[in-house]
Amino acid sequence: MRRSRLLTAVAATIATGLLLSACGGGEDPLAGGGSGGSDDQDTIVVGAANFTESQILSSIFAQALEAKGVTVETRPPIGSREAYVPALKDGSIDLIPEYSGTLLQYLNPEATDREPEQVYTALQQTLEADDPTLTVLDRAEAENKDAVVVTRETAQQFGLTSIADLAPRCGELTFGGPPEFQTRPDGIPGIERTYNCTFGEYRSLDAGGPLTVTALRNGDVQAADLFTTDAAIPENDFVVLEDPEQNFAAQNVLPLINKAKVTPEVTEALNAVTAKLTTQELLGLNEAAAAPDKPSVETVAKNWLDAQNL
């Protein structure tokens, strides 16, 4: 009987351990959150969106902070803006790379600012009014916009150089992009409003990732949302259609951060990064990540920081 009770107790202990392991060992990128993203006020939790460029920038921010002696924790990619902005607001993460124009329109769908400095100023004001716990630091010259992209063949077939040229054909075409692009103010609603362009069908794919690139290349979609710094554009000889009516606002890279974690050391480290980050540098980072040897985003980030003496 004693042996039976002992075996029962051991089994219960093992089962409890397995249950706790299952609860704590998942892939939830926001696990370990809390107020300010970390119980330690001096620790900054850095997140990223679910596309390569954001992950590279996130690693650059994290490593630049560590180089200045700041304690950093990183999280796996979280998802789209619709997922990570709430995570910043509830304190699950403290810092994430952002893009000025789309962040402004996410916070204020009625925003009409388009030029870089106007967008940046409006974003600062909107953040202060929307959630004073968050702020942005200096914007980089580097810009990466959403763009309507077609194949070279489609551009030649219909004589396309701009979204305005595409408008008369939109009803015949299938558009591909991330799910959220279908409802964002500067996504499909903006294209419809600005250019009177309503696509025949929308196919939900990924955020500038392999699904979208493959679908466009194979003709499963005839137009797609890709990022202007995407290395897949020159690799596949895709054509970025001009946006003469400025549906897509300026999209300068900048850090979005919890105000409680902003110190002189943090500000200096992050502003030093954005001061050196140009659009050409951003293109180079994406090309480096797409190299045949497929280096990790951490390696790409470290190599860039070393080259910039940061």
Protein backbone atom coordinates (compact mmCIF):
# COMPACT_ATOMS: atom_id res chain seq x y z
CA MET A 1 0.00 0.00 0.00
CA ARG A 2 2.86 2.37 0.90
CA ARG A 3 4.51 1.53 -2.45
CA SER A 4 1.22 2.24 -4.26
CA ARG A 5 0.83 5.61 -2.53
CA LEU A 6 4.44 6.51 -3.36
CA LEU A 7 3.93 5.68 -7.06
CA THR A 8 0.73 7.75 -7.09
CA ALA A 9 2.51 10.74 -5.56
CA VAL A 10 5.39 10.48 -8.05
CA ALA A 11 2.95 10.26 -10.97
CA ALA A 12 1.09 13.32 -9.73
CA THR A 13 4.35 15.26 -9.40
CA ILE A 14 5.40 14.34 -12.94
CA ALA A 15 1.99 15.26 -14.33
CA THR A 16 2.11 18.64 -12.59
CA GLY A 17 5.58 19.25 -13.98
CA LEU A 18 4.45 18.39 -17.50
CA LEU A 19 1.44 20.68 -17.18
CA LEU A 20 3.56 23.60 -16.00
CA SER A 21 6.06 22.92 -18.77
CA ALA A 22 3.28 22.93 -21.36
CA CYS A 23 1.89 26.20 -20.01
CA GLY A 24 5.26 27.93 -19.94
CA GLY A 25 7.06 26.42 -22.90
CA GLY A 26 4.93 27.61 -25.81
CA GLU A 27 5.83 30.09 -28.52
CA ASP A 28 3.83 33.02 -27.16
CA PRO A 29 6.06 35.98 -28.06
CA LEU A 30 4.49 38.08 -25.33
CA ALA A 31 5.16 35.57 -22.56
CA GLY A 32 6.99 37.06 -19.62
CA GLY A 33 5.34 40.44 -20.10
CA GLY A 34 3.91 42.69 -17.48
CA SER A 35 4.00 46.37 -16.69
CA GLY A 36 6.72 47.93 -18.82
CA GLY A 37 7.46 44.56 -20.49
CA SER A 38 9.76 43.51 -17.64
CA ASP A 39 9.66 43.51 -13.87
CA ASP A 40 13.07 45.20 -13.98
CA GLN A 41 12.67 48.92 -14.69
CA ASP A 42 16.16 48.97 -16.23
CA THR A 43 15.39 46.17 -18.73
CA ILE A 44 13.96 46.99 -22.15
CA VAL A 45 11.92 44.30 -23.92
CA VAL A 46 12.32 44.65 -27.68
CA GLY A 47 9.75 43.24 -30.11
CA ALA A 48 9.41 42.94 -33.89
CA ALA A 49 6.70 42.57 -36.51
CA ASN A 50 6.47 39.39 -38.56
CA PHE A 51 8.58 40.39 -41.56
CA THR A 52 12.32 40.31 -42.07
CA GLU A 53 13.08 44.02 -42.19
CA SER A 54 11.32 44.66 -38.88
CA GLN A 55 13.25 41.78 -37.32
CA ILE A 56 16.57 43.18 -38.57
CA LEU A 57 15.74 46.64 -37.23
CA SER A 58 14.61 45.16 -33.93
CA SER A 59 17.94 43.35 -33.60
CA ILE A 60 19.83 46.54 -34.50
CA PHE A 61 17.97 48.45 -31.78
CA ALA A 62 18.57 45.67 -29.24
CA GLN A 63 22.29 45.29 -29.99
CA ALA A 64 22.86 49.06 -30.08
CA LEU A 65 21.29 49.35 -26.63
CA GLU A 66 23.36 46.46 -25.29
CA ALA A 67 26.51 48.14 -26.60
CA LYS A 68 25.66 51.11 -24.36
CA GLY A 69 25.23 48.87 -21.33
CA VAL A 70 21.43 48.70 -21.38
CA THR A 71 19.91 45.38 -20.32
CA VAL A 72 17.75 44.01 -23.13
CA GLU A 73 15.31 41.16 -23.58
CA THR A 74 14.00 40.22 -27.01
CA ARG A 75 10.76 38.59 -28.09
CA PRO A 76 10.01 36.49 -31.20
CA PRO A 77 8.09 38.29 -33.98
CA ILE A 78 4.67 39.29 -32.70
CA GLY A 79 2.60 39.86 -35.82
CA SER A 80 1.05 42.89 -37.45
CA ARG A 81 0.55 46.37 -36.02
CA GLU A 82 -2.92 45.32 -34.93
CA ALA A 83 -1.22 42.86 -32.54
CA TYR A 84 1.89 44.67 -31.35
CA VAL A 85 0.55 48.17 -30.65
CA PRO A 86 -1.82 46.76 -28.00
CA ALA A 87 1.17 44.80 -26.64
CA LEU A 88 3.08 48.06 -26.24
CA LYS A 89 0.12 49.69 -24.57
CA ASP A 90 -0.40 46.87 -22.08
CA GLY A 91 3.32 46.73 -21.30
CA SER A 92 4.08 43.30 -22.79
CA ILE A 93 6.91 44.88 -24.78
CA ASP A 94 8.70 48.23 -24.47
CA LEU A 95 10.19 48.97 -27.87
CA ILE A 96 9.57 48.11 -31.52
CA PRO A 97 10.71 49.54 -34.88
CA GLU A 98 7.92 51.42 -36.63
CA TYR A 99 7.10 53.38 -39.79
CA SER A 100 5.77 56.89 -39.34
CA GLY A 101 2.96 57.08 -41.90
CA THR A 102 1.22 53.76 -41.32
CA LEU A 103 1.51 54.15 -37.55
CA LEU A 104 -0.09 57.61 -37.79
CA GLN A 105 -2.96 56.29 -39.90
CA TYR A 106 -3.39 53.30 -37.59
CA LEU A 107 -3.81 55.69 -34.64
CA ASN A 108 -5.77 58.30 -36.61
CA PRO A 109 -7.49 56.96 -39.75
CA GLU A 110 -8.50 60.53 -40.65
CA ALA A 111 -4.90 61.78 -40.84
CA THR A 112 -4.11 63.52 -44.12
CA ASP A 113 -0.44 64.38 -43.60
CA ARG A 114 1.88 62.99 -46.28
CA GLU A 115 5.30 64.70 -46.13
CA PRO A 116 7.99 63.26 -43.78
CA GLU A 117 8.23 66.12 -41.25
CA GLN A 118 4.48 66.75 -41.25
CA VAL A 119 3.79 63.07 -40.64
CA TYR A 120 6.38 62.92 -37.85
CA THR A 121 4.96 65.98 -36.06
CA ALA A 122 1.39 64.72 -36.41
CA LEU A 123 2.46 61.31 -35.10
CA GLN A 124 4.04 62.84 -31.99
CA GLN A 125 0.89 64.86 -31.30
CA THR A 126 -1.41 61.89 -31.92
CA LEU A 127 0.58 59.62 -29.61
CA GLU A 128 0.48 62.21 -26.86
CA ALA A 129 -3.30 62.45 -27.16
CA ASP A 130 -3.96 58.73 -27.81
CA ASP A 131 -1.73 57.14 -25.20
CA PRO A 132 0.79 59.31 -23.34
CA THR A 133 2.63 56.18 -22.16
CA LEU A 134 4.15 55.80 -25.66
CA THR A 135 6.45 58.04 -27.67
CA VAL A 136 8.71 57.97 -30.72
CA LEU A 137 12.35 58.98 -30.88
CA ASP A 138 14.14 60.51 -33.88
CA ARG A 139 13.02 59.40 -37.32
CA ALA A 140 15.52 58.01 -39.80
CA GLU A 141 15.93 59.25 -43.36
CA ALA A 142 15.28 55.62 -44.30
CA GLU A 143 11.84 55.06 -45.74
CA ASN A 144 10.03 51.88 -46.64
CA LYS A 145 6.58 52.31 -48.10
CA ASP A 146 3.83 49.94 -49.01
CA ALA A 147 3.52 49.92 -52.79
CA VAL A 148 1.31 48.46 -55.47
CA VAL A 149 3.59 46.16 -57.45
CA VAL A 150 3.04 44.27 -60.71
CA THR A 151 5.19 42.04 -62.89
CA ARG A 152 7.12 43.54 -65.80
CA GLU A 153 4.85 41.58 -68.16
CA THR A 154 1.67 43.06 -66.64
CA ALA A 155 3.14 46.57 -66.72
CA GLN A 156 3.97 46.24 -70.40
CA GLN A 157 0.68 44.55 -71.28
CA PHE A 158 -1.44 47.37 -69.85
CA GLY A 159 1.04 50.25 -70.17
CA LEU A 160 1.31 50.77 -66.42
CA THR A 161 3.63 53.20 -64.67
CA SER A 162 1.30 54.39 -61.87
CA ILE A 163 -1.68 53.28 -59.81
CA ALA A 164 -3.73 55.78 -61.82
CA ASP A 165 -2.90 53.81 -64.99
CA LEU A 166 -4.05 50.64 -63.24
CA ALA A 167 -7.45 52.01 -62.19
CA PRO A 168 -9.42 51.17 -65.39
CA ARG A 169 -8.22 47.54 -65.14
CA CYS A 170 -8.65 46.97 -61.41
CA GLY A 171 -11.95 45.11 -61.74
CA GLU A 172 -10.26 42.50 -63.94
CA LEU A 173 -7.42 41.82 -61.50
CA THR A 174 -6.82 39.92 -58.27
CA PHE A 175 -4.83 41.76 -55.61
CA GLY A 176 -2.67 40.01 -53.01
CA GLY A 177 -1.40 41.21 -49.65
CA PRO A 178 -1.60 40.73 -45.89
CA PRO A 179 -5.07 40.38 -44.34
CA GLU A 180 -4.85 43.74 -42.58
CA PHE A 181 -4.13 45.61 -45.86
CA GLN A 182 -7.71 44.92 -46.87
CA THR A 183 -9.04 47.23 -44.12
CA ARG A 184 -6.22 49.69 -43.36
CA PRO A 185 -7.02 53.31 -44.30
CA ASP A 186 -4.14 53.48 -46.79
CA GLY A 187 -4.68 49.91 -48.00
CA ILE A 188 -7.54 48.78 -50.23
CA PRO A 189 -9.96 51.45 -48.86
CA GLY A 190 -7.41 54.18 -49.64
CA ILE A 191 -6.69 52.86 -53.14
CA GLU A 192 -10.43 52.68 -53.86
CA ARG A 193 -11.02 56.20 -52.52
CA THR A 194 -7.97 57.85 -54.08
CA TYR A 195 -7.86 56.14 -57.48
CA ASN A 196 -11.40 54.78 -57.94
CA CYS A 197 -9.76 51.36 -58.18
CA THR A 198 -11.77 48.36 -56.96
CA PHE A 199 -10.06 45.04 -57.54
CA GLY A 200 -12.07 42.05 -58.71
CA GLU A 201 -10.79 39.88 -55.88
CA TYR A 202 -8.55 40.16 -52.81
CA ARG A 203 -6.34 37.27 -51.78
CA SER A 204 -5.02 37.29 -48.18
CA LEU A 205 -1.36 36.26 -48.18
CA ASP A 206 1.48 37.61 -46.02
CA ALA A 207 3.15 40.94 -45.22
CA GLY A 208 5.61 41.34 -48.07
CA GLY A 209 6.70 37.73 -47.66
CA PRO A 210 7.28 34.67 -49.84
CA LEU A 211 3.58 33.91 -50.28
CA THR A 212 2.93 37.30 -51.85
CA VAL A 213 6.07 37.23 -53.99
CA THR A 214 5.31 33.71 -55.27
CA ALA A 215 1.66 34.51 -56.00
CA LEU A 216 2.65 37.59 -58.01
CA ARG A 217 5.43 35.80 -59.87
CA ASN A 218 3.15 32.85 -60.73
CA GLY A 219 0.23 35.02 -61.81
CA ASP A 220 -2.09 33.90 -59.00
CA VAL A 221 -2.46 37.62 -58.29
CA GLN A 222 -1.82 40.38 -60.84
CA ALA A 223 -1.02 43.16 -58.37
CA ALA A 224 0.28 43.00 -54.82
CA ASP A 225 1.28 44.97 -51.75
CA LEU A 226 5.04 44.80 -51.28
CA PHE A 227 7.49 47.03 -49.44
CA THR A 228 9.62 49.37 -51.53
CA THR A 229 12.86 48.12 -49.94
CA ASP A 230 12.03 44.46 -50.57
CA ALA A 231 14.96 42.69 -52.26
CA ALA A 232 12.43 40.51 -54.11
CA ILE A 233 11.44 43.48 -56.30
CA PRO A 234 14.73 43.80 -58.24
CA GLU A 235 15.34 40.04 -58.03
CA ASN A 236 12.09 39.35 -59.91
CA ASP A 237 12.12 42.49 -62.09
CA PHE A 238 8.82 43.58 -60.54
CA VAL A 239 7.54 47.10 -61.25
CA VAL A 240 6.62 49.46 -58.40
CA LEU A 241 3.74 51.63 -59.60
CA GLU A 242 4.05 55.33 -58.84
CA ASP A 243 1.62 56.87 -56.37
CA PRO A 244 0.98 60.37 -57.81
CA GLU A 245 -1.92 61.11 -55.45
CA GLN A 246 0.14 60.10 -52.38
CA ASN A 247 -2.19 57.44 -51.04
CA PHE A 248 0.83 56.14 -49.13
CA ALA A 249 2.24 58.72 -46.73
CA ALA A 250 5.91 59.09 -45.77
CA GLN A 251 7.13 55.96 -43.99
CA ASN A 252 10.27 56.86 -42.07
CA VAL A 253 11.73 54.25 -39.72
CA LEU A 254 11.65 55.22 -36.05
CA PRO A 255 11.60 53.62 -32.60
CA LEU A 256 8.21 53.39 -30.85
CA ILE A 257 8.92 53.08 -27.14
CA ASN A 258 7.37 53.09 -23.68
CA LYS A 259 8.07 56.54 -22.17
CA ALA A 260 8.98 54.95 -18.84
CA LYS A 261 11.99 53.30 -20.48
CA VAL A 262 13.35 56.44 -22.16
CA THR A 263 16.64 57.46 -20.51
CA PRO A 264 19.52 59.57 -21.88
CA GLU A 265 21.46 56.35 -22.62
CA VAL A 266 18.52 54.79 -24.47
CA THR A 267 17.81 57.97 -26.43
CA GLU A 268 21.46 58.37 -27.42
CA ALA A 269 21.80 54.76 -28.58
CA LEU A 270 18.62 54.69 -30.65
CA ASN A 271 19.03 58.15 -32.16
CA ALA A 272 22.56 57.21 -33.21
CA VAL A 273 21.08 54.31 -35.18
CA THR A 274 18.39 56.33 -36.93
CA ALA A 275 20.91 59.09 -37.75
CA LYS A 276 22.84 56.64 -39.92
CA LEU A 277 19.95 54.67 -41.37
CA THR A 278 19.25 55.72 -44.96
CA THR A 279 16.93 54.11 -47.48
CA GLN A 280 19.99 52.76 -49.30
CA GLU A 281 21.28 51.23 -46.06
CA LEU A 282 17.87 49.65 -45.51
CA LEU A 283 18.00 48.13 -48.99
CA GLY A 284 21.45 46.79 -48.20
CA LEU A 285 20.22 45.17 -44.98
CA ASN A 286 17.41 43.39 -46.82
CA GLU A 287 19.76 42.24 -49.56
CA ALA A 288 22.20 40.93 -46.94
CA ALA A 289 19.40 38.95 -45.26
CA ALA A 290 18.37 37.49 -48.63
CA ALA A 291 21.91 36.34 -49.51
CA PRO A 292 22.36 32.67 -50.54
CA ASP A 293 23.85 31.72 -47.17
CA LYS A 294 20.74 33.14 -45.40
CA PRO A 295 22.46 34.76 -42.41
CA SER A 296 20.46 35.29 -39.25
CA VAL A 297 18.90 38.71 -38.66
CA GLU A 298 21.18 39.03 -35.63
CA THR A 299 24.25 38.57 -37.84
CA VAL A 300 22.99 41.07 -40.42
CA ALA A 301 22.30 43.56 -37.63
CA LYS A 302 25.71 43.07 -35.99
CA ASN A 303 27.58 43.48 -39.27
CA TRP A 304 25.77 46.74 -39.97
CA LEU A 305 26.38 48.11 -36.48
CA ASP A 306 30.06 47.22 -36.74
CA ALA A 307 30.33 48.94 -40.13
CA GLN A 308 28.68 52.06 -38.66
CA ASN A 309 30.94 52.01 -35.54
CA LEU A 310 27.89 51.64 -33.35
